[in-house]
Protein backbone atom coordinates (compact mmCIF):
# COMPACT_ATOMS: atom_id res chain seq x y z
CA UNK A 1 4.01 -8.57 14.68
CA UNK A 2 1.72 -7.78 11.75
CA UNK A 3 -1.03 -9.89 13.33
CA UNK A 4 -0.75 -7.92 16.53
CA UNK A 5 -1.54 -4.60 14.83
CA UNK A 6 -4.69 -6.04 13.22
CA UNK A 7 -6.02 -7.37 16.48
CA UNK A 8 -5.91 -3.99 18.19
CA UNK A 9 -9.20 -3.38 20.00
CA UNK A 10 -10.78 0.00 20.34
CA UNK A 11 -11.51 1.16 23.85
CA UNK A 12 -14.98 2.29 24.83
CA UNK A 13 -14.85 6.09 24.85
CA UNK A 14 -17.66 7.81 26.73
CA UNK A 15 -16.64 11.22 25.46
CA UNK A 16 -17.46 10.18 21.87
CA UNK A 17 -20.62 8.10 22.36
CA UNK A 18 -22.62 10.77 24.23
CA UNK A 19 -22.41 13.41 21.45
CA UNK A 20 -23.08 10.80 18.76
CA UNK A 21 -26.16 9.57 20.64
CA UNK A 22 -27.41 13.15 21.06
CA UNK A 23 -27.00 13.85 17.35
CA UNK A 24 -28.92 10.68 16.46
CA UNK A 25 -31.76 11.56 18.86
CA UNK A 26 -31.88 15.09 17.45
CA UNK A 27 -32.07 13.78 13.86
CA UNK A 28 -34.87 11.36 14.71
CA UNK A 29 -36.78 14.16 16.47
CA UNK A 30 -36.41 16.51 13.49
CA UNK A 31 -37.55 13.84 11.02
CA UNK A 32 -40.55 13.04 13.23
CA UNK A 33 -41.49 16.72 13.48
CA UNK A 34 -41.26 17.13 9.70
CA UNK A 35 -43.55 14.11 9.24
CA UNK A 36 -46.12 15.49 11.66
CA UNK A 37 -46.06 18.92 9.99
CA UNK A 38 -46.51 17.32 6.55
CA UNK A 39 -49.50 15.24 7.69
CA UNK A 40 -51.07 18.26 9.41
CA UNK A 41 -50.63 20.54 6.39
CA UNK A 42 -52.04 17.99 3.93
CA UNK A 43 -55.19 17.51 6.02
CA UNK A 44 -55.52 21.22 6.78
CA UNK A 45 -55.77 22.00 3.06
CA UNK A 46 -58.95 19.97 2.70
CA UNK A 47 -60.56 20.90 6.02
CA UNK A 48 -64.16 21.82 5.35
CA UNK A 49 -64.42 19.95 2.06
CA UNK A 50 -67.48 17.72 2.14
CA UNK A 51 -69.55 16.09 -0.59
CA UNK A 52 -72.84 14.27 -0.35
CA UNK A 53 -74.47 11.87 -2.80
CA UNK A 54 -77.98 13.31 -2.96
CA UNK A 55 -79.62 10.76 -5.24
CA UNK A 56 -78.97 7.91 -7.65
CA UNK A 57 -81.44 7.31 -10.48
CA UNK A 58 -81.31 3.91 -12.18
CA UNK A 59 -82.71 3.84 -15.72
CA UNK A 60 -82.91 1.22 -18.47
CA UNK A 61 -79.61 2.05 -20.16
CA UNK A 62 -77.91 4.56 -17.86
CA UNK A 63 -77.39 5.58 -14.25
CA UNK A 64 -77.49 9.16 -12.98
CA UNK A 65 -75.72 10.16 -9.78
CA UNK A 66 -76.31 13.53 -8.13
CA UNK A 67 -73.51 14.74 -5.83
CA UNK A 68 -73.46 18.07 -3.99
CA UNK A 69 -70.64 20.12 -2.50
CA UNK A 70 -71.99 20.72 1.03
CA UNK A 71 -68.68 21.94 2.49
CA UNK A 72 -66.44 24.95 2.16
CA UNK A 73 -64.40 25.79 -0.91
CA UNK A 74 -64.15 24.38 -4.40
CA UNK A 75 -63.70 20.66 -5.03
CA UNK A 76 -62.81 18.68 -8.13
CA UNK A 77 -64.60 15.37 -8.69
CA UNK A 78 -62.13 12.72 -9.78
CA UNK A 79 -63.41 9.13 -9.67
CA UNK A 80 -66.70 7.32 -9.15
CA UNK A 81 -67.17 3.66 -8.31
CA UNK A 82 -70.48 1.92 -8.96
CA UNK A 83 -69.94 -1.49 -7.41
CA UNK A 84 -66.77 -2.82 -9.05
CA UNK A 85 -67.01 -0.44 -12.04
CA UNK A 86 -64.68 2.58 -12.03
CA UNK A 87 -65.47 5.79 -13.89
CA UNK A 88 -63.15 8.78 -14.34
CA UNK A 89 -65.16 11.98 -13.90
CA UNK A 90 -64.64 14.66 -16.51
CA UNK A 91 -66.59 17.20 -18.51
CA UNK A 92 -67.98 14.51 -20.85
CA UNK A 93 -69.92 12.64 -18.15
CA UNK A 94 -70.35 15.30 -15.45
CA UNK A 95 -72.51 18.43 -15.75
CA UNK A 96 -73.23 21.32 -13.40
CA UNK A 97 -76.08 23.65 -14.34
CA UNK A 98 -76.01 22.26 -17.90
CA UNK A 99 -72.28 22.93 -18.32
CA UNK A 100 -69.80 20.06 -18.72
CA UNK A 101 -67.35 20.27 -15.81
CA UNK A 102 -66.23 18.31 -12.79
CA UNK A 103 -65.41 21.37 -10.64
CA UNK A 104 -67.98 22.00 -7.91
CA UNK A 105 -68.28 25.33 -6.12
CA UNK A 106 -69.88 25.56 -2.68
CA UNK A 107 -73.52 24.45 -2.76
CA UNK A 108 -73.50 23.25 -6.37
CA UNK A 109 -74.83 19.85 -7.41
CA UNK A 110 -73.32 17.80 -10.22
CA UNK A 111 -75.16 15.31 -12.38
CA UNK A 112 -72.99 12.36 -13.39
CA UNK A 113 -74.29 10.13 -16.18
CA UNK A 114 -72.81 6.73 -16.99
CA UNK A 115 -74.05 4.45 -19.74
CA UNK A 116 -74.50 1.42 -17.53
CA UNK A 117 -77.55 -0.02 -15.84
CA UNK A 118 -77.79 -1.91 -12.58
CA UNK A 119 -80.45 -4.33 -11.37
CA UNK A 120 -79.38 -4.85 -7.76
CA UNK A 121 -78.08 -2.90 -4.78
CA UNK A 122 -74.78 -1.17 -5.56
CA UNK A 123 -72.18 0.75 -3.56
CA UNK A 124 -71.67 4.25 -4.98
CA UNK A 125 -68.42 6.01 -4.06
CA UNK A 126 -67.32 9.45 -5.27
CA UNK A 127 -63.70 10.55 -4.72
CA UNK A 128 -62.33 14.09 -5.19
CA UNK A 129 -58.78 14.98 -6.23
CA UNK A 130 -57.91 16.04 -2.66
CA UNK A 131 -59.07 12.72 -1.21
CA UNK A 132 -62.48 13.87 0.00
CA UNK A 133 -65.05 11.13 -0.63
CA UNK A 134 -68.58 9.96 0.09
CA UNK A 135 -70.11 6.55 -0.38
CA UNK A 136 -73.37 4.79 0.20
CA UNK A 137 -75.49 1.86 -0.95
CA UNK A 138 -78.31 2.45 -3.43
CA UNK A 139 -80.70 0.10 -5.17
CA UNK A 140 -82.95 0.43 -8.20
């Protein structure tokens, strides 16, 4: 008799499965909408931000990179790659109008100086804190 109560099978109940399915579809739709809104808002914040590497000057013991804010709004320079070398941009190696800073207003050009020389073609990539970037190949 005890075995009989354990082997009881549940009947398929249409009245329960329809509301449960609707709730699951609604939850998936809400989560999808939240994801789309998040992606849209994160890209909308940086709309109009554009930088351009204007020039790279290779010297005997250092390299100078000139990057300009050609978009709308203020940007903050974060990282620069010269080939495989990574440099964190901060007031000590980045100047704007003679002042040590990595914050670029509209139209301003920053001079970035790194104590490293290169003899062959190198990929230069500048990345801002909001993800805006520009890259190109330069050679001495």
